[in-house]
């Protein structure tokens, strides 16, 4: 088996609000992502999914834990060389395609900002060619480089966000709820686009989402997050066919079924963490790729 591209070990992210109160957003989360695969991270709102993504890419400084990316440690204080490697090889697609784009800049300048910072072109002509190729790759026209974000629809703006991440040719892309603000038909287009790009560039995805059906479609492996804990992780087919943790069972029971006869008989499973009688901190191994964390 190949070496993991990303290794997250016992990641904790706490936010001190006052002298007496600290929000413990992420508590001891560990997982690996391998080159070319998609790891889906699911859970309810407030479970810590976005916080994990922002901690990995170092928008937040992790409270504790160790993160290895591309063979280098990226937790703790970063030197200039490690920081440059991280910025070139890891990119993020943000949830809101409008607020993540500078309304005062043209699309070409937004996409080309990473190229400018890292000086990845030798002439203005080469820069324009790189931006034009990326725009075509995400289904837009090179002529769109001269437009502003407010001149695009939501789906088009999300494609611009994908282009901005891809232009650096990264090894890992963190997609933070990148389809939740889009119409269902546009969601399918964006996800199919991401799969096509992954097949071409061999990049890996950390795919953060609420939509379990979309996560099932795009992900190779899935991690289930609940109140800052990674309660279950495994291959997609194992999680959906044999969910072991009560919280995972509760999540899957809430997914609507397209068949009206099946939907009519669907039973919701309520999960109450306070009543779950499982020993805190023990790990049950179901297979080589399927783990459950009871808490």
C-alpha atoms as a PDB file:
ATOM      1  CA  UNK A   1       0.000   0.000   0.000  1.00  0.00           C
ATOM      2  CA  UNK A   2       1.225   3.504  -0.802  1.00  0.00           C
ATOM      3  CA  UNK A   3       2.285   5.870   1.956  1.00  0.00           C
ATOM      4  CA  UNK A   4      -0.485   8.229   3.111  1.00  0.00           C
ATOM      5  CA  UNK A   5      -0.424  11.678   1.553  1.00  0.00           C
ATOM      6  CA  UNK A   6      -1.982  13.158   4.700  1.00  0.00           C
ATOM      7  CA  UNK A   7      -1.741  11.768   8.227  1.00  0.00           C
ATOM      8  CA  UNK A   8      -3.780  13.369  11.002  1.00  0.00           C
ATOM      9  CA  UNK A   9      -3.017  12.040  14.478  1.00  0.00           C
ATOM     10  CA  UNK A  10      -4.988  13.001  17.607  1.00  0.00           C
ATOM     11  CA  UNK A  11      -5.920  16.436  16.276  1.00  0.00           C
ATOM     12  CA  UNK A  12      -7.487  18.729  18.862  1.00  0.00           C
ATOM     13  CA  UNK A  13      -8.808  22.205  18.128  1.00  0.00           C
ATOM     14  CA  UNK A  14     -10.064  24.207  21.100  1.00  0.00           C
ATOM     15  CA  UNK A  15     -11.160  27.849  21.138  1.00  0.00           C
ATOM     16  CA  UNK A  16     -10.845  29.776  24.399  1.00  0.00           C
ATOM     17  CA  UNK A  17     -13.878  32.052  24.674  1.00  0.00           C
ATOM     18  CA  UNK A  18     -13.298  33.365  28.200  1.00  0.00           C
ATOM     19  CA  UNK A  19     -11.359  32.487  31.336  1.00  0.00           C
ATOM     20  CA  UNK A  20     -13.888  29.864  32.303  1.00  0.00           C
ATOM     21  CA  UNK A  21     -15.206  28.630  28.966  1.00  0.00           C
ATOM     22  CA  UNK A  22     -13.480  26.839  26.077  1.00  0.00           C
ATOM     23  CA  UNK A  23     -15.177  25.431  22.995  1.00  0.00           C
ATOM     24  CA  UNK A  24     -13.729  21.980  22.292  1.00  0.00           C
ATOM     25  CA  UNK A  25     -14.524  21.813  18.578  1.00  0.00           C
ATOM     26  CA  UNK A  26     -12.323  18.823  17.681  1.00  0.00           C
ATOM     27  CA  UNK A  27     -11.192  16.149  20.149  1.00  0.00           C
ATOM     28  CA  UNK A  28      -8.453  13.668  19.216  1.00  0.00           C
ATOM     29  CA  UNK A  29      -9.388  12.997  15.576  1.00  0.00           C
ATOM     30  CA  UNK A  30      -7.106  10.666  13.552  1.00  0.00           C
ATOM     31  CA  UNK A  31      -7.339   9.592   9.907  1.00  0.00           C
ATOM     32  CA  UNK A  32      -5.217   9.152   6.761  1.00  0.00           C
ATOM     33  CA  UNK A  33      -5.769  10.177   3.148  1.00  0.00           C
ATOM     34  CA  UNK A  34      -3.897   8.349   0.374  1.00  0.00           C
ATOM     35  CA  UNK A  35      -2.786   9.797  -2.988  1.00  0.00           C
ATOM     36  CA  UNK A  36      -5.604   9.972  -5.537  1.00  0.00           C
ATOM     37  CA  UNK A  37      -8.434   8.997  -3.161  1.00  0.00           C
ATOM     38  CA  UNK A  38     -11.442  10.881  -1.831  1.00  0.00           C
ATOM     39  CA  UNK A  39     -12.048  10.819   1.913  1.00  0.00           C
ATOM     40  CA  UNK A  40     -15.537  11.974   2.851  1.00  0.00           C
ATOM     41  CA  UNK A  41     -16.123  13.663   6.209  1.00  0.00           C
ATOM     42  CA  UNK A  42     -19.776  13.735   7.324  1.00  0.00           C
ATOM     43  CA  UNK A  43     -21.678  14.777  10.412  1.00  0.00           C
ATOM     44  CA  UNK A  44     -24.279  17.205  11.666  1.00  0.00           C
ATOM     45  CA  UNK A  45     -23.794  20.981  11.761  1.00  0.00           C
ATOM     46  CA  UNK A  46     -21.384  21.943  14.529  1.00  0.00           C
ATOM     47  CA  UNK A  47     -19.669  18.552  14.637  1.00  0.00           C
ATOM     48  CA  UNK A  48     -16.291  20.066  13.681  1.00  0.00           C
ATOM     49  CA  UNK A  49     -15.962  19.167   9.984  1.00  0.00           C
ATOM     50  CA  UNK A  50     -15.010  22.631   8.737  1.00  0.00           C
ATOM     51  CA  UNK A  51     -12.745  23.189  11.739  1.00  0.00           C
ATOM     52  CA  UNK A  52     -10.775  20.048  10.840  1.00  0.00           C
ATOM     53  CA  UNK A  53     -10.311  21.233   7.259  1.00  0.00           C
ATOM     54  CA  UNK A  54      -9.185  24.697   8.353  1.00  0.00           C
ATOM     55  CA  UNK A  55      -6.810  23.229  10.944  1.00  0.00           C
ATOM     56  CA  UNK A  56      -5.208  20.915   8.378  1.00  0.00           C
ATOM     57  CA  UNK A  57      -4.564  23.740   5.914  1.00  0.00           C
ATOM     58  CA  UNK A  58      -3.359  25.894   8.846  1.00  0.00           C
ATOM     59  CA  UNK A  59      -5.997  28.612   8.740  1.00  0.00           C
ATOM     60  CA  UNK A  60      -6.212  27.659  12.433  1.00  0.00           C
ATOM     61  CA  UNK A  61      -3.248  26.679  14.587  1.00  0.00           C
ATOM     62  CA  UNK A  62      -4.074  23.230  16.032  1.00  0.00           C
ATOM     63  CA  UNK A  63      -4.286  23.082  19.824  1.00  0.00           C
ATOM     64  CA  UNK A  64      -2.507  19.721  19.825  1.00  0.00           C
ATOM     65  CA  UNK A  65      -1.897  16.698  17.628  1.00  0.00           C
ATOM     66  CA  UNK A  66       0.424  15.900  14.739  1.00  0.00           C
ATOM     67  CA  UNK A  67      -0.237  16.388  11.018  1.00  0.00           C
ATOM     68  CA  UNK A  68       2.032  15.017   8.285  1.00  0.00           C
ATOM     69  CA  UNK A  69       1.526  16.056   4.675  1.00  0.00           C
ATOM     70  CA  UNK A  70       3.589  14.929   1.707  1.00  0.00           C
ATOM     71  CA  UNK A  71       6.144  13.407   4.084  1.00  0.00           C
ATOM     72  CA  UNK A  72       6.628  16.595   6.118  1.00  0.00           C
ATOM     73  CA  UNK A  73       5.287  17.652   9.505  1.00  0.00           C
ATOM     74  CA  UNK A  74       2.953  20.638   9.097  1.00  0.00           C
ATOM     75  CA  UNK A  75       1.728  20.971  12.693  1.00  0.00           C
ATOM     76  CA  UNK A  76       3.444  23.347  15.078  1.00  0.00           C
ATOM     77  CA  UNK A  77       5.484  26.284  13.890  1.00  0.00           C
ATOM     78  CA  UNK A  78       6.211  26.204  10.135  1.00  0.00           C
ATOM     79  CA  UNK A  79       9.465  27.354   8.592  1.00  0.00           C
ATOM     80  CA  UNK A  80       9.411  29.201   5.262  1.00  0.00           C
ATOM     81  CA  UNK A  81      10.240  26.132   3.180  1.00  0.00           C
ATOM     82  CA  UNK A  82       7.518  23.958   4.743  1.00  0.00           C
ATOM     83  CA  UNK A  83       4.975  26.776   4.510  1.00  0.00           C
ATOM     84  CA  UNK A  84       5.730  27.248   0.797  1.00  0.00           C
ATOM     85  CA  UNK A  85       5.378  23.495   0.169  1.00  0.00           C
ATOM     86  CA  UNK A  86       2.046  23.468   2.006  1.00  0.00           C
ATOM     87  CA  UNK A  87       0.633  26.467   0.096  1.00  0.00           C
ATOM     88  CA  UNK A  88       1.602  25.014  -3.261  1.00  0.00           C
ATOM     89  CA  UNK A  89       0.429  21.440  -2.681  1.00  0.00           C
ATOM     90  CA  UNK A  90      -2.720  21.883  -0.578  1.00  0.00           C
ATOM     91  CA  UNK A  91      -5.677  24.045  -1.604  1.00  0.00           C
ATOM     92  CA  UNK A  92      -9.206  24.637  -0.302  1.00  0.00           C
ATOM     93  CA  UNK A  93     -12.581  25.123  -1.987  1.00  0.00           C
ATOM     94  CA  UNK A  94     -14.772  27.150   0.376  1.00  0.00           C
ATOM     95  CA  UNK A  95     -18.454  26.692   1.130  1.00  0.00           C
ATOM     96  CA  UNK A  96     -19.790  30.055  -0.041  1.00  0.00           C
ATOM     97  CA  UNK A  97     -18.679  30.711  -3.636  1.00  0.00           C
ATOM     98  CA  UNK A  98     -19.495  34.421  -3.375  1.00  0.00           C
ATOM     99  CA  UNK A  99     -17.912  35.455  -0.072  1.00  0.00           C
ATOM    100  CA  UNK A 100     -14.713  33.552  -0.894  1.00  0.00           C
ATOM    101  CA  UNK A 101     -14.117  35.607  -4.070  1.00  0.00           C
ATOM    102  CA  UNK A 102     -12.909  39.211  -3.928  1.00  0.00           C
ATOM    103  CA  UNK A 103     -15.655  41.292  -5.659  1.00  0.00           C
ATOM    104  CA  UNK A 104     -13.125  43.983  -6.619  1.00  0.00           C
ATOM    105  CA  UNK A 105     -10.878  41.643  -8.582  1.00  0.00           C
ATOM    106  CA  UNK A 106     -11.403  40.128 -11.987  1.00  0.00           C
ATOM    107  CA  UNK A 107     -11.672  36.350 -12.238  1.00  0.00           C
ATOM    108  CA  UNK A 108      -8.299  36.109 -13.984  1.00  0.00           C
ATOM    109  CA  UNK A 109      -6.565  37.907 -11.111  1.00  0.00           C
ATOM    110  CA  UNK A 110      -8.366  35.808  -8.492  1.00  0.00           C
ATOM    111  CA  UNK A 111      -7.301  32.549 -10.149  1.00  0.00           C
ATOM    112  CA  UNK A 112      -3.803  33.812 -10.891  1.00  0.00           C
ATOM    113  CA  UNK A 113      -3.053  35.088  -7.382  1.00  0.00           C
ATOM    114  CA  UNK A 114      -1.294  31.861  -6.389  1.00  0.00           C
ATOM    115  CA  UNK A 115       0.741  31.943  -9.583  1.00  0.00           C
ATOM    116  CA  UNK A 116       1.778  35.519  -8.796  1.00  0.00           C
ATOM    117  CA  UNK A 117       2.769  34.772  -5.196  1.00  0.00           C
ATOM    118  CA  UNK A 118       4.860  31.703  -6.036  1.00  0.00           C
ATOM    119  CA  UNK A 119       6.117  33.081  -9.397  1.00  0.00           C
ATOM    120  CA  UNK A 120       5.070  29.998 -11.373  1.00  0.00           C
ATOM    121  CA  UNK A 121       5.269  31.630 -14.819  1.00  0.00           C
ATOM    122  CA  UNK A 122       7.976  33.305 -16.858  1.00  0.00           C
ATOM    123  CA  UNK A 123       5.894  35.849 -18.795  1.00  0.00           C
ATOM    124  CA  UNK A 124       2.473  37.495 -18.805  1.00  0.00           C
ATOM    125  CA  UNK A 125       1.561  35.474 -21.891  1.00  0.00           C
ATOM    126  CA  UNK A 126       2.311  32.203 -20.092  1.00  0.00           C
ATOM    127  CA  UNK A 127       0.251  33.359 -17.103  1.00  0.00           C
ATOM    128  CA  UNK A 128      -2.757  34.120 -19.304  1.00  0.00           C
ATOM    129  CA  UNK A 129      -2.406  30.751 -21.050  1.00  0.00           C
ATOM    130  CA  UNK A 130      -2.355  28.868 -17.730  1.00  0.00           C
ATOM    131  CA  UNK A 131      -5.463  30.730 -16.504  1.00  0.00           C
ATOM    132  CA  UNK A 132      -7.244  30.162 -19.826  1.00  0.00           C
ATOM    133  CA  UNK A 133      -6.533  26.418 -19.726  1.00  0.00           C
ATOM    134  CA  UNK A 134      -7.790  26.108 -16.145  1.00  0.00           C
ATOM    135  CA  UNK A 135     -10.987  27.973 -17.016  1.00  0.00           C
ATOM    136  CA  UNK A 136     -11.611  25.622 -19.932  1.00  0.00           C
ATOM    137  CA  UNK A 137     -10.946  22.623 -17.694  1.00  0.00           C
ATOM    138  CA  UNK A 138     -13.737  23.680 -15.304  1.00  0.00           C
ATOM    139  CA  UNK A 139     -16.199  24.382 -18.107  1.00  0.00           C
ATOM    140  CA  UNK A 140     -15.785  28.150 -18.439  1.00  0.00           C
ATOM    141  CA  UNK A 141     -14.391  30.307 -21.244  1.00  0.00           C
ATOM    142  CA  UNK A 142     -10.962  32.030 -21.189  1.00  0.00           C
ATOM    143  CA  UNK A 143     -12.883  35.251 -21.966  1.00  0.00           C
ATOM    144  CA  UNK A 144     -14.473  34.994 -18.494  1.00  0.00           C
ATOM    145  CA  UNK A 145     -11.115  35.998 -16.995  1.00  0.00           C
ATOM    146  CA  UNK A 146     -12.045  39.650 -17.607  1.00  0.00           C
ATOM    147  CA  UNK A 147     -15.322  39.464 -15.682  1.00  0.00           C
ATOM    148  CA  UNK A 148     -16.074  40.051 -12.001  1.00  0.00           C
ATOM    149  CA  UNK A 149     -17.542  37.458  -9.555  1.00  0.00           C
ATOM    150  CA  UNK A 150     -20.948  39.197  -9.378  1.00  0.00           C
ATOM    151  CA  UNK A 151     -21.387  38.618 -13.106  1.00  0.00           C
ATOM    152  CA  UNK A 152     -21.595  34.839 -12.603  1.00  0.00           C
ATOM    153  CA  UNK A 153     -24.222  32.448 -11.274  1.00  0.00           C
ATOM    154  CA  UNK A 154     -23.641  30.403  -8.115  1.00  0.00           C
ATOM    155  CA  UNK A 155     -22.575  27.323 -10.050  1.00  0.00           C
ATOM    156  CA  UNK A 156     -20.177  29.322 -12.198  1.00  0.00           C
ATOM    157  CA  UNK A 157     -18.664  30.988  -9.120  1.00  0.00           C
ATOM    158  CA  UNK A 158     -18.071  27.580  -7.576  1.00  0.00           C
ATOM    159  CA  UNK A 159     -16.297  26.535 -10.770  1.00  0.00           C
ATOM    160  CA  UNK A 160     -14.090  29.610 -10.360  1.00  0.00           C
ATOM    161  CA  UNK A 161     -13.303  28.440  -6.816  1.00  0.00           C
ATOM    162  CA  UNK A 162     -12.350  25.026  -8.163  1.00  0.00           C
ATOM    163  CA  UNK A 163     -10.189  26.650 -10.851  1.00  0.00           C
ATOM    164  CA  UNK A 164      -8.408  28.762  -8.214  1.00  0.00           C
ATOM    165  CA  UNK A 165      -7.578  25.588  -6.272  1.00  0.00           C
ATOM    166  CA  UNK A 166      -6.526  23.609  -9.367  1.00  0.00           C
ATOM    167  CA  UNK A 167      -4.244  26.241 -10.884  1.00  0.00           C
ATOM    168  CA  UNK A 168      -1.556  25.370  -8.319  1.00  0.00           C
ATOM    169  CA  UNK A 169      -1.697  21.698  -9.377  1.00  0.00           C
ATOM    170  CA  UNK A 170      -2.105  20.593  -5.725  1.00  0.00           C
ATOM    171  CA  UNK A 171      -1.800  17.075  -4.349  1.00  0.00           C
ATOM    172  CA  UNK A 172      -4.693  17.569  -1.903  1.00  0.00           C
ATOM    173  CA  UNK A 173      -7.855  19.674  -2.199  1.00  0.00           C
ATOM    174  CA  UNK A 174     -10.061  20.289   0.843  1.00  0.00           C
ATOM    175  CA  UNK A 175     -13.621  20.740  -0.439  1.00  0.00           C
ATOM    176  CA  UNK A 176     -15.581  22.334   2.410  1.00  0.00           C
ATOM    177  CA  UNK A 177     -19.320  21.988   1.715  1.00  0.00           C
ATOM    178  CA  UNK A 178     -18.545  23.120  -1.812  1.00  0.00           C
ATOM    179  CA  UNK A 179     -21.931  22.013  -3.210  1.00  0.00           C
ATOM    180  CA  UNK A 180     -24.318  22.828  -0.354  1.00  0.00           C
ATOM    181  CA  UNK A 181     -25.208  26.302  -1.676  1.00  0.00           C
ATOM    182  CA  UNK A 182     -25.971  25.051  -5.202  1.00  0.00           C
ATOM    183  CA  UNK A 183     -29.107  23.714  -6.891  1.00  0.00           C
ATOM    184  CA  UNK A 184     -29.371  19.925  -7.113  1.00  0.00           C
ATOM    185  CA  UNK A 185     -28.704  19.823 -10.874  1.00  0.00           C
ATOM    186  CA  UNK A 186     -25.671  22.097 -10.468  1.00  0.00           C
ATOM    187  CA  UNK A 187     -24.428  19.950  -7.570  1.00  0.00           C
ATOM    188  CA  UNK A 188     -24.266  16.932  -9.864  1.00  0.00           C
ATOM    189  CA  UNK A 189     -22.354  18.923 -12.497  1.00  0.00           C
ATOM    190  CA  UNK A 190     -19.791  20.173  -9.965  1.00  0.00           C
ATOM    191  CA  UNK A 191     -19.252  16.743  -8.385  1.00  0.00           C
ATOM    192  CA  UNK A 192     -18.859  15.078 -11.793  1.00  0.00           C
ATOM    193  CA  UNK A 193     -16.398  17.818 -12.735  1.00  0.00           C
ATOM    194  CA  UNK A 194     -14.393  17.106  -9.573  1.00  0.00           C
ATOM    195  CA  UNK A 195     -14.316  13.384 -10.346  1.00  0.00           C
ATOM    196  CA  UNK A 196     -13.143  14.032 -13.919  1.00  0.00           C
ATOM    197  CA  UNK A 197     -10.406  16.371 -12.702  1.00  0.00           C
ATOM    198  CA  UNK A 198      -9.286  13.832 -10.099  1.00  0.00           C
ATOM    199  CA  UNK A 199      -9.030  11.124 -12.770  1.00  0.00           C
ATOM    200  CA  UNK A 200      -6.875  13.460 -14.857  1.00  0.00           C
ATOM    201  CA  UNK A 201      -4.640  15.030 -12.192  1.00  0.00           C
ATOM    202  CA  UNK A 202      -4.582  12.195  -9.576  1.00  0.00           C
ATOM    203  CA  UNK A 203      -5.157  14.710  -6.758  1.00  0.00           C
ATOM    204  CA  UNK A 204      -6.731  13.640  -3.452  1.00  0.00           C
ATOM    205  CA  UNK A 205      -9.862  15.183  -1.906  1.00  0.00           C
ATOM    206  CA  UNK A 206     -11.000  15.735   1.658  1.00  0.00           C
ATOM    207  CA  UNK A 207     -14.701  16.061   0.831  1.00  0.00           C
ATOM    208  CA  UNK A 208     -16.690  17.698   3.644  1.00  0.00           C
ATOM    209  CA  UNK A 209     -20.471  17.559   3.199  1.00  0.00           C
ATOM    210  CA  UNK A 210     -23.900  17.024   4.743  1.00  0.00           C
ATOM    211  CA  UNK A 211     -25.408  15.223   1.749  1.00  0.00           C
ATOM    212  CA  UNK A 212     -24.795  11.531   2.429  1.00  0.00           C
ATOM    213  CA  UNK A 213     -25.932  10.429  -1.024  1.00  0.00           C
ATOM    214  CA  UNK A 214     -23.381  12.736  -2.664  1.00  0.00           C
ATOM    215  CA  UNK A 215     -20.661  11.608  -0.252  1.00  0.00           C
ATOM    216  CA  UNK A 216     -21.495   7.998  -1.108  1.00  0.00           C
ATOM    217  CA  UNK A 217     -21.153   8.801  -4.815  1.00  0.00           C
ATOM    218  CA  UNK A 218     -17.792  10.561  -4.690  1.00  0.00           C
ATOM    219  CA  UNK A 219     -15.939   9.052  -1.692  1.00  0.00           C
ATOM    220  CA  UNK A 220     -13.674   6.002  -1.440  1.00  0.00           C
ATOM    221  CA  UNK A 221     -13.673   6.090   2.360  1.00  0.00           C
ATOM    222  CA  UNK A 222     -15.828   7.931   4.884  1.00  0.00           C
ATOM    223  CA  UNK A 223     -15.313   9.298   8.392  1.00  0.00           C
ATOM    224  CA  UNK A 224     -18.339  10.055  10.589  1.00  0.00           C
ATOM    225  CA  UNK A 225     -17.883  12.998  12.970  1.00  0.00           C
ATOM    226  CA  UNK A 226     -19.999  13.675  16.053  1.00  0.00           C
ATOM    227  CA  UNK A 227     -19.377  16.504  18.537  1.00  0.00           C
ATOM    228  CA  UNK A 228     -15.689  16.659  17.641  1.00  0.00           C
ATOM    229  CA  UNK A 229     -15.078  12.906  17.764  1.00  0.00           C
ATOM    230  CA  UNK A 230     -14.519  10.623  14.787  1.00  0.00           C
ATOM    231  CA  UNK A 231     -16.931   7.880  15.808  1.00  0.00           C
ATOM    232  CA  UNK A 232     -16.616   5.622  12.751  1.00  0.00           C
ATOM    233  CA  UNK A 233     -14.478   5.343   9.641  1.00  0.00           C
ATOM    234  CA  UNK A 234     -14.206   2.804   6.847  1.00  0.00           C
ATOM    235  CA  UNK A 235     -14.790   2.061   3.183  1.00  0.00           C
ATOM    236  CA  UNK A 236     -17.897   3.704   1.744  1.00  0.00           C
ATOM    237  CA  UNK A 237     -19.620   0.405   1.003  1.00  0.00           C
ATOM    238  CA  UNK A 238     -18.960  -0.824   4.578  1.00  0.00           C
ATOM    239  CA  UNK A 239     -20.310   2.319   6.212  1.00  0.00           C
ATOM    240  CA  UNK A 240     -23.518   2.278   4.162  1.00  0.00           C
ATOM    241  CA  UNK A 241     -24.120  -1.473   4.241  1.00  0.00           C
ATOM    242  CA  UNK A 242     -23.049  -2.177   7.827  1.00  0.00           C
ATOM    243  CA  UNK A 243     -23.048   0.968  10.020  1.00  0.00           C
ATOM    244  CA  UNK A 244     -21.853  -0.075  13.465  1.00  0.00           C
ATOM    245  CA  UNK A 245     -22.042   3.069  15.588  1.00  0.00           C
ATOM    246  CA  UNK A 246     -25.548   4.163  16.697  1.00  0.00           C
ATOM    247  CA  UNK A 247     -24.893   7.715  15.500  1.00  0.00           C
ATOM    248  CA  UNK A 248     -24.005   6.489  12.003  1.00  0.00           C
ATOM    249  CA  UNK A 249     -27.164   4.385  11.972  1.00  0.00           C
ATOM    250  CA  UNK A 250     -29.148   7.459  12.985  1.00  0.00           C
ATOM    251  CA  UNK A 251     -27.595   9.547  10.187  1.00  0.00           C
ATOM    252  CA  UNK A 252     -28.299   6.940   7.515  1.00  0.00           C
ATOM    253  CA  UNK A 253     -31.877   6.450   8.713  1.00  0.00           C
ATOM    254  CA  UNK A 254     -32.546  10.134   7.975  1.00  0.00           C
ATOM    255  CA  UNK A 255     -31.621   9.843   4.277  1.00  0.00           C
ATOM    256  CA  UNK A 256     -34.816  10.072   2.127  1.00  0.00           C
ATOM    257  CA  UNK A 257     -35.415   7.191  -0.286  1.00  0.00           C
ATOM    258  CA  UNK A 258     -36.473   7.863  -3.909  1.00  0.00           C
ATOM    259  CA  UNK A 259     -38.844   4.862  -3.847  1.00  0.00           C
ATOM    260  CA  UNK A 260     -42.176   5.997  -2.293  1.00  0.00           C
ATOM    261  CA  UNK A 261     -42.960   2.474  -1.040  1.00  0.00           C
ATOM    262  CA  UNK A 262     -39.621   2.210   0.743  1.00  0.00           C
ATOM    263  CA  UNK A 263     -39.823   5.814   1.971  1.00  0.00           C
ATOM    264  CA  UNK A 264     -43.249   5.148   3.520  1.00  0.00           C
ATOM    265  CA  UNK A 265     -41.789   2.338   5.640  1.00  0.00           C
ATOM    266  CA  UNK A 266     -38.553   4.124   6.558  1.00  0.00           C
ATOM    267  CA  UNK A 267     -37.973   4.225  10.313  1.00  0.00           C
ATOM    268  CA  UNK A 268     -35.974   7.053  11.870  1.00  0.00           C
ATOM    269  CA  UNK A 269     -33.430   5.990  14.471  1.00  0.00           C
ATOM    270  CA  UNK A 270     -32.953   8.479  17.296  1.00  0.00           C
ATOM    271  CA  UNK A 271     -29.468   8.716  18.791  1.00  0.00           C
ATOM    272  CA  UNK A 272     -29.095  10.044  22.316  1.00  0.00           C
ATOM    273  CA  UNK A 273     -25.445  10.248  23.336  1.00  0.00           C
ATOM    274  CA  UNK A 274     -26.367  10.603  27.010  1.00  0.00           C
ATOM    275  CA  UNK A 275     -28.090   7.211  26.966  1.00  0.00           C
ATOM    276  CA  UNK A 276     -25.468   5.350  24.937  1.00  0.00           C
ATOM    277  CA  UNK A 277     -23.959   2.754  27.275  1.00  0.00           C
ATOM    278  CA  UNK A 278     -20.589   2.251  25.641  1.00  0.00           C
ATOM    279  CA  UNK A 279     -17.250   2.391  27.374  1.00  0.00           C
ATOM    280  CA  UNK A 280     -15.538   5.711  26.729  1.00  0.00           C
ATOM    281  CA  UNK A 281     -12.366   5.579  24.642  1.00  0.00           C
ATOM    282  CA  UNK A 282     -12.466   1.974  23.404  1.00  0.00           C
ATOM    283  CA  UNK A 283     -11.979   1.044  19.754  1.00  0.00           C
ATOM    284  CA  UNK A 284     -13.715  -1.843  17.998  1.00  0.00           C
ATOM    285  CA  UNK A 285     -12.156  -3.180  14.801  1.00  0.00           C
ATOM    286  CA  UNK A 286     -14.623  -4.615  12.297  1.00  0.00           C
ATOM    287  CA  UNK A 287     -12.215  -5.168   9.385  1.00  0.00           C
ATOM    288  CA  UNK A 288      -8.896  -3.888   8.091  1.00  0.00           C
ATOM    289  CA  UNK A 289     -10.563  -0.681   6.914  1.00  0.00           C
ATOM    290  CA  UNK A 290     -13.538  -0.233   9.254  1.00  0.00           C
ATOM    291  CA  UNK A 291     -13.214   1.175  12.771  1.00  0.00           C
ATOM    292  CA  UNK A 292     -15.679   2.394  15.349  1.00  0.00           C
ATOM    293  CA  UNK A 293     -14.849   4.775  18.214  1.00  0.00           C
ATOM    294  CA  UNK A 294     -17.294   4.503  21.110  1.00  0.00           C
ATOM    295  CA  UNK A 295     -17.653   7.561  23.313  1.00  0.00           C
END
